[in-house]
């Protein structure tokens, strides 16, 4: 009897050992499937507008590809171009703040000057569209040669219900607007699961408008979903630690 019990116990143990590898294999396969289901998102963004025919051409291309974008607008360029802003708003794009003057020495003079510039831009946009944006982008980025973002400044902006958005993909068309459209397109392409692409739509950014179809096609072909930045979008910025 003891021998039979031992044989039964040994048989059960052997069957369990045989099936353990299969359990591990299924777990690995499930993990792979999960990784394939990650949603890929791209935020196409344009600074320094509105820029007349360049911005208009960019809006035409976005409409053709059924893609939405975010425009960080300079406040003192709104007057006389109100229809462009209304078109952005009407066609489902997002509008953000990019200061009123974009004059580096003025906007980074102190915190109060910077915030005032943003509020002036906000008023100009609201007057033109009826929309009062609270998303912003620092000219030259929130950490540049003139200014380094501090936690105190972040708190002050948040107190005004303003949110900060840098980028994680740079087309470099801001530094060199005459860069060949093919080079702009190549630098604007990314494999990140969440890409915030920096481009510009000012009067000088004709090559950016030419590069845009290639950029949009790339992200569409690679399964990205186009989204606009709004107040529900997680902020993107970095506070530099003092040395």
C-alpha atoms as a PDB file:
ATOM      1  CA  UNK A   1       0.000   0.000   0.000  1.00  0.00           C
ATOM      2  CA  UNK A   2       2.794   2.392   0.878  1.00  0.00           C
ATOM      3  CA  UNK A   3       4.455   1.593  -2.460  1.00  0.00           C
ATOM      4  CA  UNK A   4       1.224   2.450  -4.353  1.00  0.00           C
ATOM      5  CA  UNK A   5       0.860   5.760  -2.511  1.00  0.00           C
ATOM      6  CA  UNK A   6       4.447   6.632  -3.305  1.00  0.00           C
ATOM      7  CA  UNK A   7       3.946   5.823  -7.002  1.00  0.00           C
ATOM      8  CA  UNK A   8       0.807   8.010  -7.160  1.00  0.00           C
ATOM      9  CA  UNK A   9       2.647  10.922  -5.434  1.00  0.00           C
ATOM     10  CA  UNK A  10       5.601  10.554  -7.811  1.00  0.00           C
ATOM     11  CA  UNK A  11       3.290  10.542 -10.869  1.00  0.00           C
ATOM     12  CA  UNK A  12       1.501  13.757  -9.780  1.00  0.00           C
ATOM     13  CA  UNK A  13       4.816  15.498  -9.083  1.00  0.00           C
ATOM     14  CA  UNK A  14       6.201  14.500 -12.486  1.00  0.00           C
ATOM     15  CA  UNK A  15       3.122  15.842 -14.328  1.00  0.00           C
ATOM     16  CA  UNK A  16       3.415  19.188 -12.456  1.00  0.00           C
ATOM     17  CA  UNK A  17       7.061  19.588 -13.383  1.00  0.00           C
ATOM     18  CA  UNK A  18       6.330  18.842 -17.046  1.00  0.00           C
ATOM     19  CA  UNK A  19       3.737  21.667 -17.286  1.00  0.00           C
ATOM     20  CA  UNK A  20       5.668  24.416 -15.483  1.00  0.00           C
ATOM     21  CA  UNK A  21       7.597  25.583 -18.605  1.00  0.00           C
ATOM     22  CA  UNK A  22       4.343  26.047 -20.546  1.00  0.00           C
ATOM     23  CA  UNK A  23       2.987  28.365 -17.859  1.00  0.00           C
ATOM     24  CA  UNK A  24       6.070  30.579 -18.161  1.00  0.00           C
ATOM     25  CA  UNK A  25       5.832  30.648 -21.960  1.00  0.00           C
ATOM     26  CA  UNK A  26       2.238  31.881 -21.906  1.00  0.00           C
ATOM     27  CA  UNK A  27       3.163  34.667 -19.465  1.00  0.00           C
ATOM     28  CA  UNK A  28       5.923  35.852 -21.781  1.00  0.00           C
ATOM     29  CA  UNK A  29       3.616  35.852 -24.796  1.00  0.00           C
ATOM     30  CA  UNK A  30       1.004  37.873 -22.910  1.00  0.00           C
ATOM     31  CA  UNK A  31       3.617  40.506 -22.015  1.00  0.00           C
ATOM     32  CA  UNK A  32       4.632  40.804 -25.656  1.00  0.00           C
ATOM     33  CA  UNK A  33       1.038  41.313 -26.753  1.00  0.00           C
ATOM     34  CA  UNK A  34       0.553  44.012 -24.103  1.00  0.00           C
ATOM     35  CA  UNK A  35       3.594  45.930 -25.350  1.00  0.00           C
ATOM     36  CA  UNK A  36       2.160  45.911 -28.887  1.00  0.00           C
ATOM     37  CA  UNK A  37      -1.030  47.547 -27.618  1.00  0.00           C
ATOM     38  CA  UNK A  38       0.658  50.713 -26.317  1.00  0.00           C
ATOM     39  CA  UNK A  39      -1.042  53.729 -27.887  1.00  0.00           C
ATOM     40  CA  UNK A  40       1.372  55.911 -29.847  1.00  0.00           C
ATOM     41  CA  UNK A  41       0.583  59.629 -29.677  1.00  0.00           C
ATOM     42  CA  UNK A  42       2.078  62.594 -31.488  1.00  0.00           C
ATOM     43  CA  UNK A  43       1.528  66.258 -30.692  1.00  0.00           C
ATOM     44  CA  UNK A  44       2.444  68.393 -33.705  1.00  0.00           C
ATOM     45  CA  UNK A  45       3.201  71.898 -32.405  1.00  0.00           C
ATOM     46  CA  UNK A  46       4.049  75.200 -34.068  1.00  0.00           C
ATOM     47  CA  UNK A  47       5.603  78.271 -32.427  1.00  0.00           C
ATOM     48  CA  UNK A  48       5.952  81.907 -33.554  1.00  0.00           C
ATOM     49  CA  UNK A  49       2.712  82.265 -35.512  1.00  0.00           C
ATOM     50  CA  UNK A  50       0.547  83.399 -36.959  1.00  0.00           C
ATOM     51  CA  UNK A  51       2.723  83.858 -40.039  1.00  0.00           C
ATOM     52  CA  UNK A  52       0.463  84.744 -42.930  1.00  0.00           C
ATOM     53  CA  UNK A  53       0.694  82.471 -45.986  1.00  0.00           C
ATOM     54  CA  UNK A  54       3.045  80.037 -44.211  1.00  0.00           C
ATOM     55  CA  UNK A  55       0.542  79.399 -41.435  1.00  0.00           C
ATOM     56  CA  UNK A  56      -2.279  79.216 -43.977  1.00  0.00           C
ATOM     57  CA  UNK A  57      -0.398  76.596 -46.009  1.00  0.00           C
ATOM     58  CA  UNK A  58       0.262  74.578 -42.846  1.00  0.00           C
ATOM     59  CA  UNK A  59      -3.443  74.655 -41.992  1.00  0.00           C
ATOM     60  CA  UNK A  60      -4.282  73.464 -45.518  1.00  0.00           C
ATOM     61  CA  UNK A  61      -1.907  70.512 -45.152  1.00  0.00           C
ATOM     62  CA  UNK A  62      -3.234  69.578 -41.711  1.00  0.00           C
ATOM     63  CA  UNK A  63      -6.756  69.594 -43.129  1.00  0.00           C
ATOM     64  CA  UNK A  64      -5.705  67.408 -46.068  1.00  0.00           C
ATOM     65  CA  UNK A  65      -4.216  64.798 -43.709  1.00  0.00           C
ATOM     66  CA  UNK A  66      -7.031  65.124 -41.161  1.00  0.00           C
ATOM     67  CA  UNK A  67      -4.434  65.929 -38.466  1.00  0.00           C
ATOM     68  CA  UNK A  68      -4.782  68.319 -35.533  1.00  0.00           C
ATOM     69  CA  UNK A  69      -1.986  70.503 -34.166  1.00  0.00           C
ATOM     70  CA  UNK A  70      -1.202  73.013 -31.436  1.00  0.00           C
ATOM     71  CA  UNK A  71      -0.178  76.591 -32.223  1.00  0.00           C
ATOM     72  CA  UNK A  72       1.729  78.634 -29.628  1.00  0.00           C
ATOM     73  CA  UNK A  73       0.940  82.163 -30.735  1.00  0.00           C
ATOM     74  CA  UNK A  74       2.809  85.464 -30.279  1.00  0.00           C
ATOM     75  CA  UNK A  75       0.284  87.999 -29.002  1.00  0.00           C
ATOM     76  CA  UNK A  76       1.380  91.091 -30.895  1.00  0.00           C
ATOM     77  CA  UNK A  77       1.113  89.209 -34.212  1.00  0.00           C
ATOM     78  CA  UNK A  78      -2.597  88.527 -33.779  1.00  0.00           C
ATOM     79  CA  UNK A  79      -3.830  91.937 -34.936  1.00  0.00           C
ATOM     80  CA  UNK A  80      -4.620  91.801 -38.637  1.00  0.00           C
ATOM     81  CA  UNK A  81      -4.494  87.985 -38.638  1.00  0.00           C
ATOM     82  CA  UNK A  82      -7.578  87.300 -36.569  1.00  0.00           C
ATOM     83  CA  UNK A  83      -9.101  85.170 -39.352  1.00  0.00           C
ATOM     84  CA  UNK A  84      -6.158  82.752 -39.201  1.00  0.00           C
ATOM     85  CA  UNK A  85      -6.696  82.249 -35.476  1.00  0.00           C
ATOM     86  CA  UNK A  86     -10.418  81.783 -35.980  1.00  0.00           C
ATOM     87  CA  UNK A  87      -9.643  79.156 -38.610  1.00  0.00           C
ATOM     88  CA  UNK A  88      -7.311  77.308 -36.216  1.00  0.00           C
ATOM     89  CA  UNK A  89     -10.027  77.244 -33.595  1.00  0.00           C
ATOM     90  CA  UNK A  90     -12.800  76.302 -36.051  1.00  0.00           C
ATOM     91  CA  UNK A  91     -10.816  73.406 -37.546  1.00  0.00           C
ATOM     92  CA  UNK A  92     -10.169  71.809 -34.157  1.00  0.00           C
ATOM     93  CA  UNK A  93      -6.608  72.890 -33.472  1.00  0.00           C
ATOM     94  CA  UNK A  94      -5.407  74.077 -30.076  1.00  0.00           C
ATOM     95  CA  UNK A  95      -4.059  77.576 -29.441  1.00  0.00           C
ATOM     96  CA  UNK A  96      -1.490  78.372 -26.754  1.00  0.00           C
ATOM     97  CA  UNK A  97       0.528  81.312 -25.445  1.00  0.00           C
ATOM     98  CA  UNK A  98       4.040  82.213 -26.612  1.00  0.00           C
ATOM     99  CA  UNK A  99       4.356  85.638 -24.926  1.00  0.00           C
ATOM    100  CA  UNK A 100       3.216  88.964 -26.400  1.00  0.00           C
ATOM    101  CA  UNK A 101       6.481  90.271 -27.875  1.00  0.00           C
ATOM    102  CA  UNK A 102       8.871  87.278 -27.983  1.00  0.00           C
ATOM    103  CA  UNK A 103      11.658  89.725 -27.083  1.00  0.00           C
ATOM    104  CA  UNK A 104      14.101  87.649 -25.051  1.00  0.00           C
ATOM    105  CA  UNK A 105      15.567  90.451 -22.940  1.00  0.00           C
ATOM    106  CA  UNK A 106      12.131  91.771 -22.070  1.00  0.00           C
ATOM    107  CA  UNK A 107      10.264  88.574 -21.307  1.00  0.00           C
ATOM    108  CA  UNK A 108      13.051  87.146 -19.127  1.00  0.00           C
ATOM    109  CA  UNK A 109      13.710  90.363 -17.225  1.00  0.00           C
ATOM    110  CA  UNK A 110      11.900  88.938 -14.190  1.00  0.00           C
ATOM    111  CA  UNK A 111       8.987  86.660 -13.304  1.00  0.00           C
ATOM    112  CA  UNK A 112       6.449  89.468 -13.318  1.00  0.00           C
ATOM    113  CA  UNK A 113       7.455  90.576 -16.812  1.00  0.00           C
ATOM    114  CA  UNK A 114       7.173  87.041 -18.138  1.00  0.00           C
ATOM    115  CA  UNK A 115       3.738  86.437 -16.624  1.00  0.00           C
ATOM    116  CA  UNK A 116       2.508  89.812 -17.866  1.00  0.00           C
ATOM    117  CA  UNK A 117       3.645  88.910 -21.390  1.00  0.00           C
ATOM    118  CA  UNK A 118       1.661  85.687 -21.230  1.00  0.00           C
ATOM    119  CA  UNK A 119      -1.470  87.396 -19.933  1.00  0.00           C
ATOM    120  CA  UNK A 120      -1.248  90.041 -22.670  1.00  0.00           C
ATOM    121  CA  UNK A 121      -1.034  87.273 -25.270  1.00  0.00           C
ATOM    122  CA  UNK A 122      -3.982  85.535 -23.626  1.00  0.00           C
ATOM    123  CA  UNK A 123      -6.083  88.706 -23.915  1.00  0.00           C
ATOM    124  CA  UNK A 124      -5.145  89.187 -27.581  1.00  0.00           C
ATOM    125  CA  UNK A 125      -6.131  85.622 -28.451  1.00  0.00           C
ATOM    126  CA  UNK A 126      -9.361  85.821 -26.480  1.00  0.00           C
ATOM    127  CA  UNK A 127     -10.316  89.056 -28.260  1.00  0.00           C
ATOM    128  CA  UNK A 128      -9.779  87.404 -31.646  1.00  0.00           C
ATOM    129  CA  UNK A 129     -11.374  84.003 -31.016  1.00  0.00           C
ATOM    130  CA  UNK A 130     -13.373  84.097 -27.794  1.00  0.00           C
ATOM    131  CA  UNK A 131     -11.077  81.316 -26.560  1.00  0.00           C
ATOM    132  CA  UNK A 132      -8.937  81.979 -23.464  1.00  0.00           C
ATOM    133  CA  UNK A 133      -5.986  79.574 -23.594  1.00  0.00           C
ATOM    134  CA  UNK A 134      -4.018  78.611 -20.496  1.00  0.00           C
ATOM    135  CA  UNK A 135      -1.324  76.455 -22.094  1.00  0.00           C
ATOM    136  CA  UNK A 136       2.039  78.075 -22.781  1.00  0.00           C
ATOM    137  CA  UNK A 137       5.476  77.511 -24.177  1.00  0.00           C
ATOM    138  CA  UNK A 138       8.590  79.407 -23.137  1.00  0.00           C
ATOM    139  CA  UNK A 139      10.328  81.038 -26.105  1.00  0.00           C
ATOM    140  CA  UNK A 140      13.613  79.125 -26.675  1.00  0.00           C
ATOM    141  CA  UNK A 141      12.426  76.550 -24.116  1.00  0.00           C
ATOM    142  CA  UNK A 142      12.016  76.869 -20.370  1.00  0.00           C
ATOM    143  CA  UNK A 143      15.774  76.404 -19.922  1.00  0.00           C
ATOM    144  CA  UNK A 144      17.738  78.556 -22.344  1.00  0.00           C
ATOM    145  CA  UNK A 145      20.813  80.807 -22.491  1.00  0.00           C
ATOM    146  CA  UNK A 146      18.955  83.615 -20.728  1.00  0.00           C
ATOM    147  CA  UNK A 147      16.672  81.832 -18.302  1.00  0.00           C
ATOM    148  CA  UNK A 148      16.466  78.661 -16.201  1.00  0.00           C
ATOM    149  CA  UNK A 149      13.074  77.523 -14.916  1.00  0.00           C
ATOM    150  CA  UNK A 150      12.684  77.418 -11.125  1.00  0.00           C
ATOM    151  CA  UNK A 151      10.122  75.701  -8.933  1.00  0.00           C
ATOM    152  CA  UNK A 152       9.074  79.159  -7.697  1.00  0.00           C
ATOM    153  CA  UNK A 153       8.222  80.214 -11.244  1.00  0.00           C
ATOM    154  CA  UNK A 154       6.282  76.996 -11.822  1.00  0.00           C
ATOM    155  CA  UNK A 155       4.211  77.747  -8.712  1.00  0.00           C
ATOM    156  CA  UNK A 156       3.525  81.315  -9.876  1.00  0.00           C
ATOM    157  CA  UNK A 157       2.351  80.117 -13.284  1.00  0.00           C
ATOM    158  CA  UNK A 158       0.158  77.442 -11.740  1.00  0.00           C
ATOM    159  CA  UNK A 159      -1.396  80.070  -9.484  1.00  0.00           C
ATOM    160  CA  UNK A 160      -2.493  81.828 -12.693  1.00  0.00           C
ATOM    161  CA  UNK A 161      -3.845  78.512 -14.008  1.00  0.00           C
ATOM    162  CA  UNK A 162      -1.121  78.415 -16.673  1.00  0.00           C
ATOM    163  CA  UNK A 163       0.483  75.140 -17.760  1.00  0.00           C
ATOM    164  CA  UNK A 164       3.912  74.592 -19.311  1.00  0.00           C
ATOM    165  CA  UNK A 165       4.771  72.547 -22.404  1.00  0.00           C
ATOM    166  CA  UNK A 166       8.249  72.056 -23.808  1.00  0.00           C
ATOM    167  CA  UNK A 167       8.984  69.392 -26.454  1.00  0.00           C
ATOM    168  CA  UNK A 168      10.891  66.129 -26.771  1.00  0.00           C
ATOM    169  CA  UNK A 169      11.432  66.152 -30.564  1.00  0.00           C
ATOM    170  CA  UNK A 170      13.065  69.178 -32.220  1.00  0.00           C
ATOM    171  CA  UNK A 171      12.886  69.676 -35.990  1.00  0.00           C
ATOM    172  CA  UNK A 172      15.530  72.444 -35.556  1.00  0.00           C
ATOM    173  CA  UNK A 173      13.601  74.694 -37.955  1.00  0.00           C
ATOM    174  CA  UNK A 174      13.670  77.424 -35.314  1.00  0.00           C
ATOM    175  CA  UNK A 175      17.450  77.612 -35.264  1.00  0.00           C
ATOM    176  CA  UNK A 176      17.683  77.287 -39.032  1.00  0.00           C
ATOM    177  CA  UNK A 177      14.427  78.090 -40.875  1.00  0.00           C
ATOM    178  CA  UNK A 178      16.214  77.760 -44.241  1.00  0.00           C
ATOM    179  CA  UNK A 179      17.187  74.169 -43.520  1.00  0.00           C
ATOM    180  CA  UNK A 180      16.280  71.852 -46.392  1.00  0.00           C
ATOM    181  CA  UNK A 181      12.690  70.544 -46.040  1.00  0.00           C
ATOM    182  CA  UNK A 182      13.953  66.964 -46.163  1.00  0.00           C
ATOM    183  CA  UNK A 183      16.257  67.597 -43.203  1.00  0.00           C
ATOM    184  CA  UNK A 184      13.462  69.287 -41.236  1.00  0.00           C
ATOM    185  CA  UNK A 185      11.202  66.299 -41.891  1.00  0.00           C
ATOM    186  CA  UNK A 186      13.865  63.783 -40.883  1.00  0.00           C
ATOM    187  CA  UNK A 187      14.560  65.546 -37.592  1.00  0.00           C
ATOM    188  CA  UNK A 188      10.847  65.855 -36.824  1.00  0.00           C
ATOM    189  CA  UNK A 189      10.326  62.092 -37.031  1.00  0.00           C
ATOM    190  CA  UNK A 190      10.499  60.053 -33.848  1.00  0.00           C
ATOM    191  CA  UNK A 191       9.890  56.523 -32.577  1.00  0.00           C
ATOM    192  CA  UNK A 192       8.860  57.671 -29.100  1.00  0.00           C
ATOM    193  CA  UNK A 193       5.483  56.393 -27.890  1.00  0.00           C
ATOM    194  CA  UNK A 194       4.622  59.990 -26.973  1.00  0.00           C
ATOM    195  CA  UNK A 195       6.213  62.628 -29.194  1.00  0.00           C
ATOM    196  CA  UNK A 196       5.801  66.398 -28.808  1.00  0.00           C
ATOM    197  CA  UNK A 197       7.292  67.795 -32.007  1.00  0.00           C
ATOM    198  CA  UNK A 198       8.626  71.357 -32.125  1.00  0.00           C
ATOM    199  CA  UNK A 199       8.157  73.263 -35.368  1.00  0.00           C
ATOM    200  CA  UNK A 200       7.516  76.864 -36.340  1.00  0.00           C
ATOM    201  CA  UNK A 201       4.976  78.639 -38.545  1.00  0.00           C
ATOM    202  CA  UNK A 202       6.348  82.188 -38.731  1.00  0.00           C
ATOM    203  CA  UNK A 203       6.813  84.134 -41.940  1.00  0.00           C
ATOM    204  CA  UNK A 204      10.339  82.726 -42.396  1.00  0.00           C
ATOM    205  CA  UNK A 205       9.330  79.070 -42.010  1.00  0.00           C
ATOM    206  CA  UNK A 206       8.455  78.326 -45.646  1.00  0.00           C
ATOM    207  CA  UNK A 207      10.542  75.145 -45.635  1.00  0.00           C
ATOM    208  CA  UNK A 208       8.646  73.843 -42.615  1.00  0.00           C
ATOM    209  CA  UNK A 209       5.401  74.124 -44.560  1.00  0.00           C
ATOM    210  CA  UNK A 210       7.043  72.162 -47.393  1.00  0.00           C
ATOM    211  CA  UNK A 211       8.285  69.477 -44.978  1.00  0.00           C
ATOM    212  CA  UNK A 212       4.958  68.981 -43.213  1.00  0.00           C
ATOM    213  CA  UNK A 213       3.320  66.473 -45.625  1.00  0.00           C
ATOM    214  CA  UNK A 214       6.246  64.066 -45.211  1.00  0.00           C
ATOM    215  CA  UNK A 215       6.094  64.423 -41.410  1.00  0.00           C
ATOM    216  CA  UNK A 216       2.357  63.797 -41.198  1.00  0.00           C
ATOM    217  CA  UNK A 217       2.575  60.816 -43.552  1.00  0.00           C
ATOM    218  CA  UNK A 218       5.328  59.289 -41.421  1.00  0.00           C
ATOM    219  CA  UNK A 219       3.309  59.458 -38.223  1.00  0.00           C
ATOM    220  CA  UNK A 220       0.142  58.199 -39.914  1.00  0.00           C
ATOM    221  CA  UNK A 221       1.963  55.271 -41.542  1.00  0.00           C
ATOM    222  CA  UNK A 222       3.482  54.325 -38.190  1.00  0.00           C
ATOM    223  CA  UNK A 223       0.171  54.176 -36.346  1.00  0.00           C
ATOM    224  CA  UNK A 224       0.350  57.389 -34.335  1.00  0.00           C
ATOM    225  CA  UNK A 225      -2.742  59.175 -33.089  1.00  0.00           C
ATOM    226  CA  UNK A 226      -2.675  62.954 -33.535  1.00  0.00           C
ATOM    227  CA  UNK A 227      -3.671  64.899 -30.431  1.00  0.00           C
ATOM    228  CA  UNK A 228      -3.732  68.548 -29.445  1.00  0.00           C
ATOM    229  CA  UNK A 229      -2.323  69.943 -26.226  1.00  0.00           C
ATOM    230  CA  UNK A 230      -4.965  71.243 -23.850  1.00  0.00           C
ATOM    231  CA  UNK A 231      -5.282  71.730 -20.102  1.00  0.00           C
ATOM    232  CA  UNK A 232      -5.808  67.978 -19.613  1.00  0.00           C
ATOM    233  CA  UNK A 233      -2.457  67.123 -21.242  1.00  0.00           C
ATOM    234  CA  UNK A 234       0.304  66.265 -18.723  1.00  0.00           C
ATOM    235  CA  UNK A 235       2.805  69.128 -18.579  1.00  0.00           C
ATOM    236  CA  UNK A 236       6.294  68.746 -19.990  1.00  0.00           C
ATOM    237  CA  UNK A 237       9.082  70.825 -18.445  1.00  0.00           C
ATOM    238  CA  UNK A 238      12.200  70.466 -16.348  1.00  0.00           C
ATOM    239  CA  UNK A 239      13.253  72.484 -13.327  1.00  0.00           C
ATOM    240  CA  UNK A 240      17.021  72.860 -13.323  1.00  0.00           C
ATOM    241  CA  UNK A 241      18.704  72.252  -9.989  1.00  0.00           C
ATOM    242  CA  UNK A 242      21.038  74.964  -8.791  1.00  0.00           C
ATOM    243  CA  UNK A 243      24.686  73.969  -8.776  1.00  0.00           C
END
